[in-house]
Amino acid sequence: MWVFLRGRIGGIMGSTIKWNFTKFLCDRNGIPIERYSPPTKPYEFKDEIIKLLDN
């Protein structure tokens, strides 16, 4: 999972994951849509989560 996610969607540091609290938002098929840094709280991307659940 780790290799799959970091290989599919890069962040500021490319495919490197800074810490184990990096968050990935995936669609229903498990495809990563967005990547969030460790300090980002899930409620900060609540609208994106809801949008994916509605589709």
Protein backbone atom coordinates (compact mmCIF):
# COMPACT_ATOMS: atom_id res chain seq x y z
CA MET A 1 0.00 0.00 0.00
CA TRP A 2 2.81 2.39 1.00
CA VAL A 3 4.67 1.94 -2.30
CA PHE A 4 1.46 2.12 -4.34
CA LEU A 5 0.23 5.36 -2.76
CA ARG A 6 3.50 7.23 -2.80
CA GLY A 7 4.17 6.15 -6.38
CA ARG A 8 0.77 7.36 -7.60
CA ILE A 9 0.65 10.82 -6.10
CA GLY A 10 3.65 12.91 -5.14
CA GLY A 11 3.89 15.69 -2.64
CA ILE A 12 6.27 18.57 -2.08
CA MET A 13 9.05 16.05 -1.50
CA GLY A 14 8.17 13.98 -4.57
CA SER A 15 7.42 10.35 -3.79
CA THR A 16 9.06 10.56 -0.35
CA ILE A 17 6.67 10.40 2.58
CA LYS A 18 7.91 12.59 5.42
CA TRP A 19 6.11 10.83 8.25
CA ASN A 20 3.58 8.06 8.80
CA PHE A 21 0.72 10.52 9.36
CA THR A 22 0.66 11.65 5.73
CA LYS A 23 -2.93 11.24 4.53
CA PHE A 24 -4.14 10.04 1.15
CA LEU A 25 -7.66 10.57 -0.14
CA CYS A 26 -8.69 7.74 -2.46
CA ASP A 27 -11.77 7.25 -4.60
CA ARG A 28 -14.10 4.23 -4.41
CA ASN A 29 -11.73 2.26 -6.62
CA GLY A 30 -8.75 2.89 -4.36
CA ILE A 31 -7.12 5.36 -6.72
CA PRO A 32 -5.37 8.17 -4.82
CA ILE A 33 -6.90 11.56 -5.58
CA GLU A 34 -5.04 13.83 -3.18
CA ARG A 35 -2.25 13.76 -0.62
CA TYR A 36 -2.19 15.78 2.61
CA SER A 37 0.72 16.59 4.91
CA PRO A 38 0.83 15.23 8.49
CA PRO A 39 -0.43 18.42 10.18
CA THR A 40 -3.53 18.56 7.93
CA LYS A 41 -6.62 17.50 9.86
CA PRO A 42 -9.29 15.40 8.08
CA TYR A 43 -11.95 18.06 8.69
CA GLU A 44 -9.86 20.43 6.57
CA PHE A 45 -10.66 18.35 3.48
CA LYS A 46 -14.15 17.30 4.55
CA ASP A 47 -15.74 18.76 1.39
CA GLU A 48 -13.48 16.64 -0.82
CA ILE A 49 -14.39 13.51 1.19
CA ILE A 50 -18.11 14.22 0.86
CA LYS A 51 -17.77 14.90 -2.87
CA LEU A 52 -16.08 11.51 -3.38
CA LEU A 53 -18.71 9.72 -1.29
CA ASP A 54 -21.52 11.32 -3.30
CA ASN A 55 -20.11 10.17 -6.65
